[in-house]
Amino acid sequence: MILPNTPLFQAKTDAEFRIRMIQHIKENYGDLLGKDINLLDLPNGLEIVQAKIQQRLFDMSNGQIDLMSKSEDTTINLQKVA
């Protein structure tokens, strides 16, 4: 896979990339996420936000778009998180 030559994608470690990705999402998608942006501060925040976005897309498309892998663990209870 070819990644853009930007600081975001030039992280030396996974942890550094994760921090940069969270900051990028906060700066660019805060208006779309609304109050859910605060979930990114949790240790598993990226996964929680990803699951919420996938569920929203599924709901809005009436099940036509399903990004959840059949092999993924989809047991995150979003009611307890929100």
N, C-alpha and C. Protein backbone atom coordinates (compact mmCIF):
# COMPACT_ATOMS: atom_id res chain seq x y z
N MET A 1 0.84 -1.16 0.00
CA MET A 1 0.00 0.00 0.00
C MET A 1 0.90 1.24 0.00
N ILE A 2 0.53 2.23 -0.79
CA ILE A 2 1.28 3.48 -0.86
C ILE A 2 0.56 4.51 -0.01
N LEU A 3 1.29 5.10 0.95
CA LEU A 3 0.72 6.11 1.83
C LEU A 3 1.21 7.49 1.41
N PRO A 4 0.38 8.52 1.62
CA PRO A 4 0.81 9.88 1.28
C PRO A 4 2.04 10.27 2.10
N ASN A 5 2.85 11.13 1.54
CA ASN A 5 4.06 11.59 2.21
C ASN A 5 3.72 12.80 3.08
N THR A 6 3.00 12.57 4.14
CA THR A 6 2.62 13.61 5.09
C THR A 6 3.03 13.17 6.48
N PRO A 7 3.19 14.10 7.40
CA PRO A 7 3.59 13.72 8.77
C PRO A 7 2.66 12.70 9.42
N LEU A 8 1.36 12.77 9.12
CA LEU A 8 0.41 11.83 9.71
C LEU A 8 0.81 10.39 9.43
N PHE A 9 1.22 10.12 8.21
CA PHE A 9 1.52 8.75 7.81
C PHE A 9 2.98 8.37 7.95
N GLN A 10 3.80 9.25 8.49
CA GLN A 10 5.23 8.97 8.64
C GLN A 10 5.60 8.67 10.09
N ALA A 11 4.67 8.16 10.86
CA ALA A 11 4.92 7.82 12.27
C ALA A 11 5.89 6.65 12.35
N LYS A 12 6.72 6.66 13.38
CA LYS A 12 7.73 5.61 13.55
C LYS A 12 7.18 4.40 14.31
N THR A 13 6.14 4.59 15.10
CA THR A 13 5.56 3.48 15.86
C THR A 13 4.04 3.48 15.69
N ASP A 14 3.44 2.36 16.04
CA ASP A 14 1.98 2.28 16.00
C ASP A 14 1.34 3.25 16.97
N ALA A 15 1.94 3.39 18.15
CA ALA A 15 1.39 4.30 19.16
C ALA A 15 1.42 5.74 18.66
N GLU A 16 2.52 6.12 18.02
CA GLU A 16 2.63 7.47 17.48
C GLU A 16 1.59 7.70 16.38
N PHE A 17 1.42 6.70 15.51
CA PHE A 17 0.41 6.82 14.46
C PHE A 17 -0.98 6.96 15.05
N ARG A 18 -1.28 6.19 16.09
CA ARG A 18 -2.59 6.24 16.74
C ARG A 18 -2.86 7.64 17.31
N ILE A 19 -1.86 8.21 17.96
CA ILE A 19 -2.01 9.56 18.52
C ILE A 19 -2.24 10.57 17.41
N ARG A 20 -1.47 10.45 16.33
CA ARG A 20 -1.63 11.38 15.21
C ARG A 20 -3.00 11.22 14.55
N MET A 21 -3.46 9.99 14.41
CA MET A 21 -4.76 9.74 13.79
C MET A 21 -5.89 10.33 14.63
N ILE A 22 -5.82 10.16 15.94
CA ILE A 22 -6.84 10.72 16.83
C ILE A 22 -6.85 12.24 16.70
N GLN A 23 -5.69 12.86 16.69
CA GLN A 23 -5.62 14.31 16.54
C GLN A 23 -6.18 14.75 15.20
N HIS A 24 -5.87 14.02 14.14
CA HIS A 24 -6.38 14.33 12.80
C HIS A 24 -7.91 14.25 12.77
N ILE A 25 -8.46 13.23 13.38
CA ILE A 25 -9.92 13.07 13.41
C ILE A 25 -10.55 14.21 14.19
N LYS A 26 -9.96 14.55 15.34
CA LYS A 26 -10.51 15.64 16.15
C LYS A 26 -10.50 16.97 15.39
N GLU A 27 -9.41 17.24 14.67
CA GLU A 27 -9.29 18.50 13.95
C GLU A 27 -10.19 18.58 12.73
N ASN A 28 -10.43 17.47 12.07
CA ASN A 28 -11.13 17.49 10.79
C ASN A 28 -12.56 16.97 10.80
N TYR A 29 -12.92 16.19 11.80
CA TYR A 29 -14.24 15.57 11.79
C TYR A 29 -15.03 15.82 13.06
N GLY A 30 -14.59 16.77 13.87
CA GLY A 30 -15.28 17.09 15.11
C GLY A 30 -16.73 17.50 14.90
N ASP A 31 -16.98 18.27 13.83
CA ASP A 31 -18.35 18.70 13.57
C ASP A 31 -19.26 17.53 13.19
N LEU A 32 -18.71 16.52 12.56
CA LEU A 32 -19.51 15.34 12.19
C LEU A 32 -19.75 14.41 13.37
N LEU A 33 -18.75 14.31 14.24
CA LEU A 33 -18.87 13.39 15.37
C LEU A 33 -19.66 13.98 16.53
N GLY A 34 -19.68 15.29 16.65
CA GLY A 34 -20.40 15.93 17.75
C GLY A 34 -19.82 15.50 19.09
N LYS A 35 -20.71 15.17 20.03
CA LYS A 35 -20.25 14.80 21.37
C LYS A 35 -19.48 13.48 21.39
N ASP A 36 -19.63 12.68 20.35
CA ASP A 36 -18.89 11.41 20.28
C ASP A 36 -17.39 11.63 20.12
N ILE A 37 -16.98 12.84 19.81
CA ILE A 37 -15.55 13.14 19.67
C ILE A 37 -14.81 12.85 20.97
N ASN A 38 -15.49 13.00 22.11
CA ASN A 38 -14.87 12.74 23.41
C ASN A 38 -14.53 11.27 23.62
N LEU A 39 -15.17 10.39 22.88
CA LEU A 39 -14.88 8.96 22.99
C LEU A 39 -13.45 8.65 22.55
N LEU A 40 -12.88 9.50 21.71
CA LEU A 40 -11.52 9.27 21.23
C LEU A 40 -10.49 9.35 22.34
N ASP A 41 -10.85 9.96 23.46
CA ASP A 41 -9.92 10.06 24.58
C ASP A 41 -9.85 8.77 25.40
N LEU A 42 -10.74 7.85 25.16
CA LEU A 42 -10.71 6.56 25.86
C LEU A 42 -9.62 5.67 25.27
N PRO A 43 -9.12 4.71 26.05
CA PRO A 43 -8.06 3.82 25.53
C PRO A 43 -8.44 3.09 24.24
N ASN A 44 -9.70 2.71 24.10
CA ASN A 44 -10.16 2.03 22.89
C ASN A 44 -11.10 2.94 22.09
N GLY A 45 -10.87 4.23 22.17
CA GLY A 45 -11.74 5.23 21.55
C GLY A 45 -11.87 5.10 20.04
N LEU A 46 -10.77 4.82 19.36
CA LEU A 46 -10.86 4.68 17.90
C LEU A 46 -11.79 3.54 17.51
N GLU A 47 -11.70 2.44 18.22
CA GLU A 47 -12.54 1.29 17.92
C GLU A 47 -14.01 1.59 18.21
N ILE A 48 -14.26 2.31 19.30
CA ILE A 48 -15.63 2.66 19.66
C ILE A 48 -16.23 3.58 18.62
N VAL A 49 -15.49 4.61 18.23
CA VAL A 49 -15.99 5.55 17.22
C VAL A 49 -16.19 4.83 15.89
N GLN A 50 -15.27 3.96 15.53
CA GLN A 50 -15.43 3.20 14.29
C GLN A 50 -16.71 2.37 14.32
N ALA A 51 -16.97 1.69 15.42
CA ALA A 51 -18.17 0.87 15.54
C ALA A 51 -19.44 1.73 15.45
N LYS A 52 -19.41 2.90 16.08
CA LYS A 52 -20.57 3.80 16.04
C LYS A 52 -20.82 4.30 14.62
N ILE A 53 -19.77 4.66 13.91
CA ILE A 53 -19.91 5.16 12.53
C ILE A 53 -20.41 4.04 11.62
N GLN A 54 -19.87 2.85 11.79
CA GLN A 54 -20.34 1.72 10.98
C GLN A 54 -21.82 1.45 11.24
N GLN A 55 -22.24 1.53 12.49
CA GLN A 55 -23.64 1.29 12.83
C GLN A 55 -24.53 2.39 12.24
N ARG A 56 -24.09 3.64 12.34
CA ARG A 56 -24.86 4.76 11.76
C ARG A 56 -25.03 4.57 10.26
N LEU A 57 -23.95 4.22 9.57
CA LEU A 57 -24.01 4.01 8.14
C LEU A 57 -24.96 2.86 7.80
N PHE A 58 -24.89 1.80 8.55
CA PHE A 58 -25.79 0.66 8.35
C PHE A 58 -27.24 1.08 8.54
N ASP A 59 -27.51 1.84 9.62
CA ASP A 59 -28.87 2.27 9.91
C ASP A 59 -29.40 3.24 8.85
N MET A 60 -28.57 4.19 8.45
CA MET A 60 -29.00 5.20 7.47
C MET A 60 -29.23 4.59 6.10
N SER A 61 -28.53 3.51 5.79
CA SER A 61 -28.69 2.88 4.48
C SER A 61 -29.71 1.75 4.52
N ASN A 62 -30.41 1.61 5.63
CA ASN A 62 -31.39 0.53 5.80
C ASN A 62 -30.78 -0.84 5.55
N GLY A 63 -29.54 -1.01 6.00
CA GLY A 63 -28.87 -2.30 5.89
C GLY A 63 -28.18 -2.55 4.57
N GLN A 64 -28.23 -1.59 3.65
CA GLN A 64 -27.59 -1.78 2.35
C GLN A 64 -26.07 -1.73 2.45
N ILE A 65 -25.54 -0.94 3.39
CA ILE A 65 -24.09 -0.82 3.56
C ILE A 65 -23.73 -1.43 4.90
N ASP A 66 -22.98 -2.52 4.86
CA ASP A 66 -22.57 -3.20 6.08
C ASP A 66 -21.06 -3.34 6.08
N LEU A 67 -20.37 -2.48 6.84
CA LEU A 67 -18.92 -2.50 6.89
C LEU A 67 -18.38 -3.39 7.99
N MET A 68 -19.24 -3.98 8.78
CA MET A 68 -18.80 -4.87 9.85
C MET A 68 -18.41 -6.21 9.25
N SER A 69 -17.17 -6.59 9.51
CA SER A 69 -16.70 -7.88 9.05
C SER A 69 -17.42 -8.97 9.83
N LYS A 70 -17.75 -10.02 9.18
CA LYS A 70 -18.45 -11.13 9.86
C LYS A 70 -17.57 -11.77 10.91
N SER A 71 -16.24 -11.62 10.76
CA SER A 71 -15.33 -12.23 11.73
C SER A 71 -14.97 -11.28 12.87
N GLU A 72 -15.36 -9.98 12.76
CA GLU A 72 -15.05 -9.03 13.83
C GLU A 72 -15.86 -9.32 15.07
N ASP A 73 -15.27 -8.98 16.20
CA ASP A 73 -16.01 -9.06 17.45
C ASP A 73 -16.86 -7.80 17.55
N THR A 74 -18.16 -7.97 17.44
CA THR A 74 -19.07 -6.82 17.43
C THR A 74 -19.83 -6.73 18.75
N THR A 75 -19.19 -7.11 19.83
CA THR A 75 -19.90 -7.15 21.11
C THR A 75 -19.76 -5.85 21.92
N ILE A 76 -19.23 -4.80 21.32
CA ILE A 76 -19.13 -3.52 22.04
C ILE A 76 -20.55 -3.02 22.28
N ASN A 77 -20.86 -2.80 23.53
CA ASN A 77 -22.18 -2.29 23.87
C ASN A 77 -22.12 -0.77 23.83
N LEU A 78 -22.63 -0.18 22.76
CA LEU A 78 -22.56 1.27 22.58
C LEU A 78 -23.46 2.01 23.56
N GLN A 79 -24.47 1.36 24.11
CA GLN A 79 -25.35 2.00 25.06
C GLN A 79 -24.58 2.34 26.34
N LYS A 80 -23.70 1.44 26.76
CA LYS A 80 -22.93 1.67 27.99
C LYS A 80 -21.88 2.76 27.79
N VAL A 81 -21.35 2.89 26.58
CA VAL A 81 -20.29 3.85 26.30
C VAL A 81 -20.85 5.26 26.20
N ALA A 82 -21.97 5.41 25.54
CA ALA A 82 -22.54 6.75 25.30
C ALA A 82 -23.19 7.32 26.48
